[in-house]
């Protein structure tokens, strides 16, 4: 399953942003419209690196489907950033 939502939270010692829910499923609309160009780009990369196009597509597809559940937390000097993919 591809990630559908991203939750972003930013905190500083003086300021705290409410959690922002970003709908990632809306990104599929431009991806579908640009899919012929994306396929040509991947085919060019596959030819340049002498790889099989289907293997390259499989790698990118498996990366996209393994993203849900990813959490990134960055903390430095009292500042915090949290990004979760659901």
N, C-alpha and C. Protein backbone atom coordinates (compact mmCIF):
# COMPACT_ATOMS: atom_id res chain seq x y z
N UNK A 1 0.85 -1.17 0.00
CA UNK A 1 0.00 0.00 0.00
C UNK A 1 0.89 1.23 0.00
N UNK A 2 0.57 2.19 -0.82
CA UNK A 2 1.33 3.44 -0.86
C UNK A 2 0.91 4.33 0.30
N UNK A 3 1.79 5.24 0.71
CA UNK A 3 1.41 6.14 1.80
C UNK A 3 0.29 7.08 1.37
N UNK A 4 -0.71 7.24 2.24
CA UNK A 4 -1.85 8.10 1.92
C UNK A 4 -1.80 9.44 2.63
N UNK A 5 -1.20 9.49 3.79
CA UNK A 5 -1.14 10.72 4.58
C UNK A 5 0.26 10.92 5.14
N UNK A 6 0.65 12.18 5.27
CA UNK A 6 1.88 12.54 5.96
C UNK A 6 1.50 13.48 7.10
N UNK A 7 2.05 13.23 8.27
CA UNK A 7 1.81 14.08 9.43
C UNK A 7 3.12 14.82 9.72
N UNK A 8 3.06 16.14 9.73
CA UNK A 8 4.25 16.96 9.95
C UNK A 8 4.02 17.82 11.19
N UNK A 9 4.98 17.81 12.10
CA UNK A 9 4.92 18.64 13.31
C UNK A 9 6.28 19.31 13.51
N UNK A 10 6.26 20.59 13.81
CA UNK A 10 7.49 21.35 14.05
C UNK A 10 7.35 22.07 15.38
N UNK A 11 8.38 21.95 16.22
CA UNK A 11 8.39 22.62 17.52
C UNK A 11 9.72 23.33 17.71
N UNK A 12 9.68 24.53 18.24
CA UNK A 12 10.86 25.25 18.68
C UNK A 12 10.62 25.63 20.14
N UNK A 13 11.63 26.08 20.85
CA UNK A 13 11.39 26.48 22.23
C UNK A 13 10.37 27.61 22.38
N UNK A 14 10.24 28.48 21.37
CA UNK A 14 9.31 29.61 21.46
C UNK A 14 7.99 29.36 20.74
N UNK A 15 7.93 28.38 19.85
CA UNK A 15 6.78 28.24 18.96
C UNK A 15 6.48 26.77 18.70
N UNK A 16 5.20 26.47 18.58
CA UNK A 16 4.79 25.10 18.29
C UNK A 16 3.71 25.13 17.21
N UNK A 17 3.98 24.42 16.13
CA UNK A 17 3.02 24.36 15.04
C UNK A 17 2.06 23.20 15.29
N UNK A 18 0.78 23.39 15.08
CA UNK A 18 -0.13 22.25 15.19
C UNK A 18 0.21 21.22 14.11
N UNK A 19 -0.11 19.97 14.40
CA UNK A 19 0.22 18.91 13.44
C UNK A 19 -0.51 19.13 12.14
N UNK A 20 0.22 19.03 11.07
CA UNK A 20 -0.30 19.26 9.73
C UNK A 20 -0.47 17.91 9.03
N UNK A 21 -1.69 17.61 8.60
CA UNK A 21 -2.00 16.35 7.91
C UNK A 21 -2.02 16.65 6.42
N UNK A 22 -1.11 16.06 5.67
CA UNK A 22 -1.00 16.30 4.24
C UNK A 22 -1.49 15.06 3.49
N UNK A 23 -2.52 15.20 2.66
CA UNK A 23 -3.03 14.05 1.91
C UNK A 23 -2.13 13.72 0.72
N UNK A 24 -1.38 12.64 0.81
CA UNK A 24 -0.46 12.26 -0.25
C UNK A 24 -1.16 11.58 -1.42
N UNK A 25 -2.37 11.08 -1.19
CA UNK A 25 -3.07 10.42 -2.29
C UNK A 25 -3.41 11.40 -3.41
N UNK A 26 -3.43 12.69 -3.11
CA UNK A 26 -3.67 13.68 -4.15
C UNK A 26 -2.49 13.82 -5.10
N UNK A 27 -1.32 13.33 -4.69
CA UNK A 27 -0.15 13.37 -5.57
C UNK A 27 -0.27 12.36 -6.71
N UNK A 28 -1.16 11.38 -6.57
CA UNK A 28 -1.30 10.38 -7.62
C UNK A 28 -1.90 10.98 -8.89
N UNK A 29 -2.64 12.06 -8.79
CA UNK A 29 -3.23 12.69 -9.97
C UNK A 29 -2.14 13.21 -10.91
N UNK A 30 -1.19 14.04 -10.43
CA UNK A 30 -0.12 14.46 -11.35
C UNK A 30 0.80 13.32 -11.77
N UNK A 31 0.98 12.33 -10.90
CA UNK A 31 1.83 11.20 -11.27
C UNK A 31 1.20 10.43 -12.43
N UNK A 32 -0.09 10.24 -12.39
CA UNK A 32 -0.76 9.55 -13.49
C UNK A 32 -0.69 10.37 -14.78
N UNK A 33 -0.83 11.69 -14.68
CA UNK A 33 -0.74 12.53 -15.87
C UNK A 33 0.68 12.56 -16.45
N UNK A 34 1.66 12.48 -15.59
CA UNK A 34 3.05 12.53 -16.03
C UNK A 34 3.66 11.14 -16.24
N UNK A 35 2.87 10.08 -16.12
CA UNK A 35 3.40 8.73 -16.20
C UNK A 35 4.13 8.42 -17.51
N UNK A 36 3.68 8.90 -18.68
CA UNK A 36 4.49 8.63 -19.87
C UNK A 36 5.90 9.23 -19.80
N UNK A 37 5.99 10.45 -19.27
CA UNK A 37 7.31 11.08 -19.12
C UNK A 37 8.16 10.37 -18.07
N UNK A 38 7.52 9.93 -16.99
CA UNK A 38 8.24 9.20 -15.95
C UNK A 38 8.77 7.88 -16.50
N UNK A 39 7.95 7.19 -17.30
CA UNK A 39 8.38 5.93 -17.90
C UNK A 39 9.56 6.15 -18.85
N UNK A 40 9.51 7.21 -19.67
CA UNK A 40 10.63 7.51 -20.56
C UNK A 40 11.90 7.84 -19.79
N UNK A 41 11.74 8.56 -18.68
CA UNK A 41 12.89 8.88 -17.84
C UNK A 41 13.49 7.62 -17.24
N UNK A 42 12.65 6.73 -16.73
CA UNK A 42 13.15 5.47 -16.18
C UNK A 42 13.78 4.59 -17.25
N UNK A 43 13.20 4.60 -18.45
CA UNK A 43 13.79 3.83 -19.55
C UNK A 43 15.16 4.38 -19.92
N UNK A 44 15.30 5.70 -19.93
CA UNK A 44 16.59 6.32 -20.21
C UNK A 44 17.62 5.97 -19.15
N UNK A 45 17.20 6.00 -17.89
CA UNK A 45 18.10 5.62 -16.80
C UNK A 45 18.50 4.16 -16.92
N UNK A 46 17.54 3.30 -17.28
CA UNK A 46 17.83 1.88 -17.42
C UNK A 46 18.82 1.63 -18.55
N UNK A 47 18.67 2.35 -19.66
CA UNK A 47 19.60 2.18 -20.78
C UNK A 47 20.98 2.72 -20.42
N UNK A 48 21.02 3.87 -19.75
CA UNK A 48 22.30 4.48 -19.39
C UNK A 48 23.07 3.63 -18.38
N UNK A 49 22.35 2.98 -17.47
CA UNK A 49 23.03 2.15 -16.46
C UNK A 49 23.08 0.69 -16.86
N UNK A 50 22.58 0.36 -18.05
CA UNK A 50 22.58 -1.01 -18.59
C UNK A 50 21.85 -1.98 -17.68
N UNK A 51 20.70 -1.53 -17.16
CA UNK A 51 19.84 -2.36 -16.33
C UNK A 51 18.57 -2.70 -17.09
N UNK A 52 17.84 -3.67 -16.59
CA UNK A 52 16.55 -4.03 -17.16
C UNK A 52 15.50 -3.03 -16.67
N UNK A 53 14.68 -2.51 -17.58
CA UNK A 53 13.66 -1.51 -17.22
C UNK A 53 12.67 -2.07 -16.22
N UNK A 54 12.30 -3.34 -16.36
CA UNK A 54 11.30 -3.93 -15.46
C UNK A 54 11.87 -4.09 -14.06
N UNK A 55 13.16 -4.39 -13.96
CA UNK A 55 13.78 -4.48 -12.64
C UNK A 55 13.82 -3.10 -11.98
N UNK A 56 14.11 -2.08 -12.76
CA UNK A 56 14.14 -0.72 -12.24
C UNK A 56 12.76 -0.28 -11.76
N UNK A 57 11.72 -0.59 -12.53
CA UNK A 57 10.35 -0.29 -12.12
C UNK A 57 9.98 -1.04 -10.85
N UNK A 58 10.40 -2.29 -10.74
CA UNK A 58 10.12 -3.09 -9.54
C UNK A 58 10.77 -2.48 -8.31
N UNK A 59 12.00 -2.00 -8.45
CA UNK A 59 12.70 -1.38 -7.32
C UNK A 59 11.98 -0.12 -6.87
N UNK A 60 11.61 0.77 -7.79
CA UNK A 60 10.91 1.99 -7.41
C UNK A 60 9.53 1.69 -6.83
N UNK A 61 8.85 0.71 -7.37
CA UNK A 61 7.53 0.33 -6.86
C UNK A 61 7.64 -0.22 -5.44
N UNK A 62 8.65 -1.07 -5.19
CA UNK A 62 8.80 -1.64 -3.85
C UNK A 62 9.20 -0.58 -2.83
N UNK A 63 9.98 0.40 -3.24
CA UNK A 63 10.32 1.51 -2.33
C UNK A 63 9.07 2.30 -1.98
N UNK A 64 8.24 2.62 -2.97
CA UNK A 64 7.01 3.38 -2.72
C UNK A 64 6.07 2.63 -1.79
N UNK A 65 5.99 1.31 -1.94
CA UNK A 65 5.07 0.53 -1.13
C UNK A 65 5.62 0.22 0.27
N UNK A 66 6.91 0.44 0.50
CA UNK A 66 7.47 0.20 1.82
C UNK A 66 7.51 1.46 2.68
N UNK A 67 7.07 2.60 2.17
CA UNK A 67 7.12 3.86 2.91
C UNK A 67 6.12 3.99 4.06
N UNK A 68 4.89 3.43 3.98
CA UNK A 68 3.96 3.61 5.11
C UNK A 68 4.56 3.07 6.41
N UNK A 69 4.37 3.82 7.46
CA UNK A 69 4.92 3.44 8.76
C UNK A 69 6.26 4.10 9.04
N UNK A 70 6.79 4.84 8.09
CA UNK A 70 8.07 5.51 8.27
C UNK A 70 7.90 6.72 9.17
N UNK A 71 8.81 6.85 10.13
CA UNK A 71 8.82 8.02 11.02
C UNK A 71 10.21 8.63 10.98
N UNK A 72 10.25 9.94 10.81
CA UNK A 72 11.51 10.66 10.82
C UNK A 72 11.41 11.71 11.92
N UNK A 73 12.31 11.62 12.89
CA UNK A 73 12.36 12.60 13.99
C UNK A 73 13.74 13.24 14.00
N UNK A 74 13.75 14.57 13.96
CA UNK A 74 15.00 15.31 14.00
C UNK A 74 14.91 16.26 15.18
N UNK A 75 15.96 16.26 16.01
CA UNK A 75 15.98 17.12 17.18
C UNK A 75 17.37 17.74 17.31
N UNK A 76 17.42 19.07 17.35
CA UNK A 76 18.68 19.78 17.48
C UNK A 76 18.43 21.11 18.18
N UNK A 77 19.19 21.36 19.21
CA UNK A 77 19.15 22.62 19.95
C UNK A 77 17.74 23.01 20.38
N UNK A 78 16.97 22.07 20.82
CA UNK A 78 15.62 22.33 21.30
C UNK A 78 14.57 22.38 20.20
N UNK A 79 14.97 22.33 18.96
CA UNK A 79 14.03 22.32 17.84
C UNK A 79 13.72 20.87 17.47
N UNK A 80 12.46 20.60 17.18
CA UNK A 80 12.03 19.25 16.84
C UNK A 80 11.20 19.26 15.57
N UNK A 81 11.44 18.25 14.73
CA UNK A 81 10.64 18.05 13.53
C UNK A 81 10.24 16.58 13.48
N UNK A 82 8.97 16.33 13.25
CA UNK A 82 8.45 14.96 13.14
C UNK A 82 7.71 14.83 11.81
N UNK A 83 8.06 13.79 11.06
CA UNK A 83 7.35 13.48 9.83
C UNK A 83 6.98 12.00 9.89
N UNK A 84 5.68 11.70 9.80
CA UNK A 84 5.19 10.33 9.78
C UNK A 84 4.42 10.08 8.51
N UNK A 85 4.65 8.94 7.90
CA UNK A 85 3.91 8.56 6.70
C UNK A 85 2.94 7.45 7.09
N UNK A 86 1.67 7.67 6.81
CA UNK A 86 0.63 6.70 7.15
C UNK A 86 0.06 6.08 5.89
